[in-house]
Amino acid sequence: MRCLATLPPEQREVIVLKIWSEHTFEEIAGLMDLSPNTVAGRYRYGMEKLRACVKGKTYERLEQSALAEVDPAPAFA
């Protein structure tokens, strides 16, 4: 949940509607008054950020679409 909270609200909302509410991109587009392609893009970029966060990396979208490498957070004792 920590990683999900770090996402921009637009990406977080699409991911929650897609995964937890099991809506299609078309349904989400109708709910949010967006195109299905915009919804799919928000989902894709949000999932990239979630994967990076879960792996202990900070996601930073650069012009070359590279991920910035950082040390993972320390483990809880």
PDB file of N, CA and C in Angstrom:
ATOM      1  N   MET A   1       0.823  -1.196   0.000  1.00  0.00           N
ATOM      2  CA  MET A   1       0.000   0.000   0.000  1.00  0.00           C
ATOM      3  C   MET A   1       0.866   1.258   0.000  1.00  0.00           C
ATOM      4  N   ARG A   2       2.072   1.177   0.572  1.00  0.00           N
ATOM      5  CA  ARG A   2       2.959   2.335   0.599  1.00  0.00           C
ATOM      6  C   ARG A   2       3.291   2.767  -0.825  1.00  0.00           C
ATOM      7  N   CYS A   3       3.590   1.801  -1.662  1.00  0.00           N
ATOM      8  CA  CYS A   3       3.941   2.118  -3.055  1.00  0.00           C
ATOM      9  C   CYS A   3       2.745   2.702  -3.799  1.00  0.00           C
ATOM     10  N   LEU A   4       1.572   2.167  -3.578  1.00  0.00           N
ATOM     11  CA  LEU A   4       0.374   2.671  -4.246  1.00  0.00           C
ATOM     12  C   LEU A   4       0.125   4.129  -3.855  1.00  0.00           C
ATOM     13  N   ALA A   5       0.384   4.465  -2.599  1.00  0.00           N
ATOM     14  CA  ALA A   5       0.158   5.829  -2.121  1.00  0.00           C
ATOM     15  C   ALA A   5       1.113   6.840  -2.749  1.00  0.00           C
ATOM     16  N   THR A   6       2.232   6.372  -3.296  1.00  0.00           N
ATOM     17  CA  THR A   6       3.200   7.290  -3.897  1.00  0.00           C
ATOM     18  C   THR A   6       2.853   7.660  -5.335  1.00  0.00           C
ATOM     19  N   LEU A   7       1.913   6.974  -5.932  1.00  0.00           N
ATOM     20  CA  LEU A   7       1.538   7.249  -7.324  1.00  0.00           C
ATOM     21  C   LEU A   7       0.764   8.549  -7.446  1.00  0.00           C
ATOM     22  N   PRO A   8       0.846   9.196  -8.605  1.00  0.00           N
ATOM     23  CA  PRO A   8      -0.034  10.342  -8.860  1.00  0.00           C
ATOM     24  C   PRO A   8      -1.496   9.877  -8.776  1.00  0.00           C
ATOM     25  N   PRO A   9      -2.379  10.736  -8.279  1.00  0.00           N
ATOM     26  CA  PRO A   9      -3.787  10.333  -8.101  1.00  0.00           C
ATOM     27  C   PRO A   9      -4.435   9.750  -9.354  1.00  0.00           C
ATOM     28  N   GLU A  10      -4.098  10.291 -10.529  1.00  0.00           N
ATOM     29  CA  GLU A  10      -4.725   9.808 -11.766  1.00  0.00           C
ATOM     30  C   GLU A  10      -4.344   8.356 -12.041  1.00  0.00           C
ATOM     31  N   GLN A  11      -3.092   8.009 -11.816  1.00  0.00           N
ATOM     32  CA  GLN A  11      -2.640   6.634 -12.039  1.00  0.00           C
ATOM     33  C   GLN A  11      -3.185   5.708 -10.952  1.00  0.00           C
ATOM     34  N   ARG A  12      -3.163   6.163  -9.721  1.00  0.00           N
ATOM     35  CA  ARG A  12      -3.665   5.353  -8.605  1.00  0.00           C
ATOM     36  C   ARG A  12      -5.140   5.006  -8.802  1.00  0.00           C
ATOM     37  N   GLU A  13      -5.936   5.991  -9.219  1.00  0.00           N
ATOM     38  CA  GLU A  13      -7.371   5.768  -9.417  1.00  0.00           C
ATOM     39  C   GLU A  13      -7.620   4.717 -10.503  1.00  0.00           C
ATOM     40  N   VAL A  14      -6.896   4.807 -11.612  1.00  0.00           N
ATOM     41  CA  VAL A  14      -7.072   3.838 -12.697  1.00  0.00           C
ATOM     42  C   VAL A  14      -6.688   2.429 -12.221  1.00  0.00           C
ATOM     43  N   ILE A  15      -5.582   2.308 -11.504  1.00  0.00           N
ATOM     44  CA  ILE A  15      -5.132   0.993 -11.028  1.00  0.00           C
ATOM     45  C   ILE A  15      -6.139   0.394 -10.060  1.00  0.00           C
ATOM     46  N   VAL A  16      -6.663   1.199  -9.158  1.00  0.00           N
ATOM     47  CA  VAL A  16      -7.660   0.701  -8.200  1.00  0.00           C
ATOM     48  C   VAL A  16      -8.923   0.248  -8.932  1.00  0.00           C
ATOM     49  N   LEU A  17      -9.387   1.046  -9.885  1.00  0.00           N
ATOM     50  CA  LEU A  17     -10.587   0.652 -10.631  1.00  0.00           C
ATOM     51  C   LEU A  17     -10.353  -0.603 -11.466  1.00  0.00           C
ATOM     52  N   LYS A  18      -9.161  -0.738 -12.019  1.00  0.00           N
ATOM     53  CA  LYS A  18      -8.848  -1.895 -12.868  1.00  0.00           C
ATOM     54  C   LYS A  18      -8.670  -3.164 -12.047  1.00  0.00           C
ATOM     55  N   ILE A  19      -7.862  -3.093 -10.999  1.00  0.00           N
ATOM     56  CA  ILE A  19      -7.512  -4.305 -10.255  1.00  0.00           C
ATOM     57  C   ILE A  19      -8.561  -4.656  -9.204  1.00  0.00           C
ATOM     58  N   TRP A  20      -8.896  -3.718  -8.337  1.00  0.00           N
ATOM     59  CA  TRP A  20      -9.804  -4.052  -7.233  1.00  0.00           C
ATOM     60  C   TRP A  20     -11.257  -4.081  -7.666  1.00  0.00           C
ATOM     61  N   SER A  21     -11.650  -3.156  -8.541  1.00  0.00           N
ATOM     62  CA  SER A  21     -13.051  -3.110  -8.974  1.00  0.00           C
ATOM     63  C   SER A  21     -13.290  -3.894 -10.248  1.00  0.00           C
ATOM     64  N   GLU A  22     -12.219  -4.390 -10.879  1.00  0.00           N
ATOM     65  CA  GLU A  22     -12.288  -5.241 -12.065  1.00  0.00           C
ATOM     66  C   GLU A  22     -13.029  -4.611 -13.241  1.00  0.00           C
ATOM     67  N   HIS A  23     -12.829  -3.300 -13.429  1.00  0.00           N
ATOM     68  CA  HIS A  23     -13.409  -2.619 -14.585  1.00  0.00           C
ATOM     69  C   HIS A  23     -12.482  -2.774 -15.788  1.00  0.00           C
ATOM     70  N   THR A  24     -13.035  -2.687 -16.967  1.00  0.00           N
ATOM     71  CA  THR A  24     -12.238  -2.685 -18.197  1.00  0.00           C
ATOM     72  C   THR A  24     -11.745  -1.254 -18.445  1.00  0.00           C
ATOM     73  N   PHE A  25     -10.796  -1.121 -19.356  1.00  0.00           N
ATOM     74  CA  PHE A  25     -10.324   0.219 -19.708  1.00  0.00           C
ATOM     75  C   PHE A  25     -11.466   1.054 -20.279  1.00  0.00           C
ATOM     76  N   GLU A  26     -12.334   0.437 -21.042  1.00  0.00           N
ATOM     77  CA  GLU A  26     -13.460   1.155 -21.629  1.00  0.00           C
ATOM     78  C   GLU A  26     -14.414   1.649 -20.544  1.00  0.00           C
ATOM     79  N   GLU A  27     -14.680   0.809 -19.535  1.00  0.00           N
ATOM     80  CA  GLU A  27     -15.561   1.214 -18.431  1.00  0.00           C
ATOM     81  C   GLU A  27     -14.937   2.351 -17.628  1.00  0.00           C
ATOM     82  N   ILE A  28     -13.655   2.237 -17.361  1.00  0.00           N
ATOM     83  CA  ILE A  28     -12.961   3.285 -16.607  1.00  0.00           C
ATOM     84  C   ILE A  28     -12.966   4.586 -17.399  1.00  0.00           C
ATOM     85  N   ALA A  29     -12.758   4.485 -18.698  1.00  0.00           N
ATOM     86  CA  ALA A  29     -12.786   5.679 -19.554  1.00  0.00           C
ATOM     87  C   ALA A  29     -14.131   6.380 -19.454  1.00  0.00           C
ATOM     88  N   GLY A  30     -15.199   5.614 -19.457  1.00  0.00           N
ATOM     89  CA  GLY A  30     -16.529   6.194 -19.323  1.00  0.00           C
ATOM     90  C   GLY A  30     -16.744   6.845 -17.964  1.00  0.00           C
ATOM     91  N   LEU A  31     -16.244   6.201 -16.908  1.00  0.00           N
ATOM     92  CA  LEU A  31     -16.382   6.750 -15.558  1.00  0.00           C
ATOM     93  C   LEU A  31     -15.594   8.040 -15.379  1.00  0.00           C
ATOM     94  N   MET A  32     -14.434   8.115 -16.014  1.00  0.00           N
ATOM     95  CA  MET A  32     -13.537   9.255 -15.821  1.00  0.00           C
ATOM     96  C   MET A  32     -13.609  10.283 -16.956  1.00  0.00           C
ATOM     97  N   ASP A  33     -14.459  10.027 -17.946  1.00  0.00           N
ATOM     98  CA  ASP A  33     -14.602  10.903 -19.110  1.00  0.00           C
ATOM     99  C   ASP A  33     -13.263  11.104 -19.823  1.00  0.00           C
ATOM    100  N   LEU A  34     -12.596   9.973 -20.086  1.00  0.00           N
ATOM    101  CA  LEU A  34     -11.309   9.953 -20.786  1.00  0.00           C
ATOM    102  C   LEU A  34     -11.387   8.948 -21.924  1.00  0.00           C
ATOM    103  N   SER A  35     -10.368   8.941 -22.772  1.00  0.00           N
ATOM    104  CA  SER A  35     -10.317   7.921 -23.816  1.00  0.00           C
ATOM    105  C   SER A  35      -9.738   6.633 -23.215  1.00  0.00           C
ATOM    106  N   PRO A  36     -10.123   5.478 -23.764  1.00  0.00           N
ATOM    107  CA  PRO A  36      -9.540   4.219 -23.289  1.00  0.00           C
ATOM    108  C   PRO A  36      -8.014   4.191 -23.404  1.00  0.00           C
ATOM    109  N   ASN A  37      -7.457   4.849 -24.431  1.00  0.00           N
ATOM    110  CA  ASN A  37      -5.998   4.895 -24.581  1.00  0.00           C
ATOM    111  C   ASN A  37      -5.335   5.673 -23.451  1.00  0.00           C
ATOM    112  N   THR A  38      -5.954   6.761 -23.016  1.00  0.00           N
ATOM    113  CA  THR A  38      -5.422   7.536 -21.894  1.00  0.00           C
ATOM    114  C   THR A  38      -5.450   6.704 -20.626  1.00  0.00           C
ATOM    115  N   VAL A  39      -6.543   6.002 -20.416  1.00  0.00           N
ATOM    116  CA  VAL A  39      -6.674   5.136 -19.236  1.00  0.00           C
ATOM    117  C   VAL A  39      -5.605   4.045 -19.273  1.00  0.00           C
ATOM    118  N   ALA A  40      -5.424   3.415 -20.417  1.00  0.00           N
ATOM    119  CA  ALA A  40      -4.425   2.351 -20.542  1.00  0.00           C
ATOM    120  C   ALA A  40      -3.021   2.892 -20.282  1.00  0.00           C
ATOM    121  N   GLY A  41      -2.732   4.088 -20.759  1.00  0.00           N
ATOM    122  CA  GLY A  41      -1.426   4.691 -20.527  1.00  0.00           C
ATOM    123  C   GLY A  41      -1.193   4.986 -19.063  1.00  0.00           C
ATOM    124  N   ARG A  42      -2.198   5.515 -18.379  1.00  0.00           N
ATOM    125  CA  ARG A  42      -2.064   5.778 -16.938  1.00  0.00           C
ATOM    126  C   ARG A  42      -1.846   4.479 -16.176  1.00  0.00           C
ATOM    127  N   TYR A  43      -2.544   3.446 -16.594  1.00  0.00           N
ATOM    128  CA  TYR A  43      -2.376   2.137 -15.951  1.00  0.00           C
ATOM    129  C   TYR A  43      -0.957   1.613 -16.175  1.00  0.00           C
ATOM    130  N   ARG A  44      -0.487   1.677 -17.403  1.00  0.00           N
ATOM    131  CA  ARG A  44       0.840   1.155 -17.733  1.00  0.00           C
ATOM    132  C   ARG A  44       1.936   1.894 -16.973  1.00  0.00           C
ATOM    133  N   TYR A  45       1.903   3.230 -16.992  1.00  0.00           N
ATOM    134  CA  TYR A  45       2.940   3.999 -16.297  1.00  0.00           C
ATOM    135  C   TYR A  45       2.840   3.807 -14.781  1.00  0.00           C
ATOM    136  N   GLY A  46       1.637   3.726 -14.270  1.00  0.00           N
ATOM    137  CA  GLY A  46       1.458   3.482 -12.839  1.00  0.00           C
ATOM    138  C   GLY A  46       1.996   2.125 -12.423  1.00  0.00           C
ATOM    139  N   MET A  47       1.746   1.107 -13.240  1.00  0.00           N
ATOM    140  CA  MET A  47       2.258  -0.234 -12.931  1.00  0.00           C
ATOM    141  C   MET A  47       3.778  -0.275 -12.999  1.00  0.00           C
ATOM    142  N   GLU A  48       4.387   0.471 -13.933  1.00  0.00           N
ATOM    143  CA  GLU A  48       5.849   0.553 -13.996  1.00  0.00           C
ATOM    144  C   GLU A  48       6.404   1.125 -12.698  1.00  0.00           C
ATOM    145  N   LYS A  49       5.767   2.171 -12.208  1.00  0.00           N
ATOM    146  CA  LYS A  49       6.207   2.795 -10.960  1.00  0.00           C
ATOM    147  C   LYS A  49       6.018   1.849  -9.779  1.00  0.00           C
ATOM    148  N   LEU A  50       4.908   1.119  -9.756  1.00  0.00           N
ATOM    149  CA  LEU A  50       4.673   0.162  -8.671  1.00  0.00           C
ATOM    150  C   LEU A  50       5.723  -0.946  -8.681  1.00  0.00           C
ATOM    151  N   ARG A  51       6.023  -1.474  -9.848  1.00  0.00           N
ATOM    152  CA  ARG A  51       7.045  -2.525  -9.942  1.00  0.00           C
ATOM    153  C   ARG A  51       8.386  -2.029  -9.430  1.00  0.00           C
ATOM    154  N   ALA A  52       8.754  -0.821  -9.827  1.00  0.00           N
ATOM    155  CA  ALA A  52      10.026  -0.256  -9.381  1.00  0.00           C
ATOM    156  C   ALA A  52      10.029  -0.049  -7.871  1.00  0.00           C
ATOM    157  N   CYS A  53       8.935   0.415  -7.329  1.00  0.00           N
ATOM    158  CA  CYS A  53       8.837   0.646  -5.885  1.00  0.00           C
ATOM    159  C   CYS A  53       8.921  -0.663  -5.114  1.00  0.00           C
ATOM    160  N   VAL A  54       8.226  -1.675  -5.584  1.00  0.00           N
ATOM    161  CA  VAL A  54       8.233  -2.976  -4.908  1.00  0.00           C
ATOM    162  C   VAL A  54       9.629  -3.597  -4.941  1.00  0.00           C
ATOM    163  N   LYS A  55      10.357  -3.347  -6.018  1.00  0.00           N
ATOM    164  CA  LYS A  55      11.714  -3.874  -6.130  1.00  0.00           C
ATOM    165  C   LYS A  55      12.712  -3.028  -5.341  1.00  0.00           C
ATOM    166  N   GLY A  56      12.245  -1.967  -4.697  1.00  0.00           N
ATOM    167  CA  GLY A  56      13.120  -1.139  -3.888  1.00  0.00           C
ATOM    168  C   GLY A  56      13.844  -0.069  -4.649  1.00  0.00           C
ATOM    169  N   LYS A  57      13.287   0.329  -5.783  1.00  0.00           N
ATOM    170  CA  LYS A  57      13.900   1.358  -6.593  1.00  0.00           C
ATOM    171  C   LYS A  57      12.953   2.548  -6.681  1.00  0.00           C
ATOM    172  N   THR A  58      13.493   3.701  -6.885  1.00  0.00           N
ATOM    173  CA  THR A  58      12.683   4.887  -7.096  1.00  0.00           C
ATOM    174  C   THR A  58      12.509   5.075  -8.589  1.00  0.00           C
ATOM    175  N   TYR A  59      11.292   5.245  -9.021  1.00  0.00           N
ATOM    176  CA  TYR A  59      11.010   5.429 -10.443  1.00  0.00           C
ATOM    177  C   TYR A  59      11.138   6.903 -10.784  1.00  0.00           C
ATOM    178  N   GLU A  60      11.827   7.173 -11.827  1.00  0.00           N
ATOM    179  CA  GLU A  60      11.940   8.533 -12.318  1.00  0.00           C
ATOM    180  C   GLU A  60      11.916   8.467 -13.830  1.00  0.00           C
ATOM    181  N   ARG A  61      10.901   9.024 -14.428  1.00  0.00           N
ATOM    182  CA  ARG A  61      10.781   8.973 -15.880  1.00  0.00           C
ATOM    183  C   ARG A  61      11.704  10.000 -16.499  1.00  0.00           C
ATOM    184  N   LEU A  62      12.670   9.513 -17.225  1.00  0.00           N
ATOM    185  CA  LEU A  62      13.614  10.371 -17.901  1.00  0.00           C
ATOM    186  C   LEU A  62      13.298  10.374 -19.388  1.00  0.00           C
ATOM    187  N   GLU A  63      13.914  11.275 -20.114  1.00  0.00           N
ATOM    188  CA  GLU A  63      13.655  11.345 -21.549  1.00  0.00           C
ATOM    189  C   GLU A  63      13.985  10.047 -22.254  1.00  0.00           C
ATOM    190  N   GLN A  64      14.973   9.314 -21.747  1.00  0.00           N
ATOM    191  CA  GLN A  64      15.344   8.039 -22.348  1.00  0.00           C
ATOM    192  C   GLN A  64      14.564   6.884 -21.733  1.00  0.00           C
ATOM    193  N   SER A  65      13.545   7.169 -20.900  1.00  0.00           N
ATOM    194  CA  SER A  65      12.732   6.156 -20.219  1.00  0.00           C
ATOM    195  C   SER A  65      13.572   5.236 -19.343  1.00  0.00           C
ATOM    196  N   ALA A  66      14.575   5.784 -18.711  1.00  0.00           N
ATOM    197  CA  ALA A  66      15.440   4.990 -17.840  1.00  0.00           C
ATOM    198  C   ALA A  66      14.921   5.052 -16.412  1.00  0.00           C
ATOM    199  N   LEU A  67      15.253   4.038 -15.645  1.00  0.00           N
ATOM    200  CA  LEU A  67      14.923   4.028 -14.231  1.00  0.00           C
ATOM    201  C   LEU A  67      16.146   4.484 -13.446  1.00  0.00           C
ATOM    202  N   ALA A  68      15.930   5.361 -12.501  1.00  0.00           N
ATOM    203  CA  ALA A  68      17.032   5.817 -11.658  1.00  0.00           C
ATOM    204  C   ALA A  68      17.241   4.782 -10.560  1.00  0.00           C
ATOM    205  N   GLU A  69      18.454   4.313 -10.429  1.00  0.00           N
ATOM    206  CA  GLU A  69      18.795   3.306  -9.417  1.00  0.00           C
ATOM    207  C   GLU A  69      19.135   3.991  -8.104  1.00  0.00           C
ATOM    208  N   VAL A  70      18.536   3.500  -7.025  1.00  0.00           N
ATOM    209  CA  VAL A  70      18.869   3.974  -5.680  1.00  0.00           C
ATOM    210  C   VAL A  70      18.949   2.772  -4.765  1.00  0.00           C
ATOM    211  N   ASP A  71      19.547   2.962  -3.607  1.00  0.00           N
ATOM    212  CA  ASP A  71      19.615   1.868  -2.647  1.00  0.00           C
ATOM    213  C   ASP A  71      18.220   1.576  -2.119  1.00  0.00           C
ATOM    214  N   PRO A  72      17.872   0.293  -1.929  1.00  0.00           N
ATOM    215  CA  PRO A  72      16.558  -0.038  -1.381  1.00  0.00           C
ATOM    216  C   PRO A  72      16.445   0.430   0.064  1.00  0.00           C
ATOM    217  N   ALA A  73      15.210   0.623   0.502  1.00  0.00           N
ATOM    218  CA  ALA A  73      14.962   1.028   1.878  1.00  0.00           C
ATOM    219  C   ALA A  73      15.406  -0.082   2.825  1.00  0.00           C
ATOM    220  N   PRO A  74      15.889   0.285   4.019  1.00  0.00           N
ATOM    221  CA  PRO A  74      16.328  -0.740   4.966  1.00  0.00           C
ATOM    222  C   PRO A  74      15.160  -1.621   5.410  1.00  0.00           C
ATOM    223  N   ALA A  75      15.430  -2.876   5.691  1.00  0.00           N
ATOM    224  CA  ALA A  75      14.389  -3.810   6.134  1.00  0.00           C
ATOM    225  C   ALA A  75      13.988  -3.506   7.568  1.00  0.00           C
ATOM    226  N   PHE A  76      12.753  -3.810   7.890  1.00  0.00           N
ATOM    227  CA  PHE A  76      12.281  -3.632   9.243  1.00  0.00           C
ATOM    228  C   PHE A  76      12.866  -4.701  10.133  1.00  0.00           C
ATOM    229  N   ALA A  77      13.197  -4.329  11.360  1.00  0.00           N
ATOM    230  CA  ALA A  77      13.788  -5.280  12.302  1.00  0.00           C
ATOM    231  C   ALA A  77      12.726  -6.096  12.992  1.00  0.00           C
TER     232      ALA A  77
END
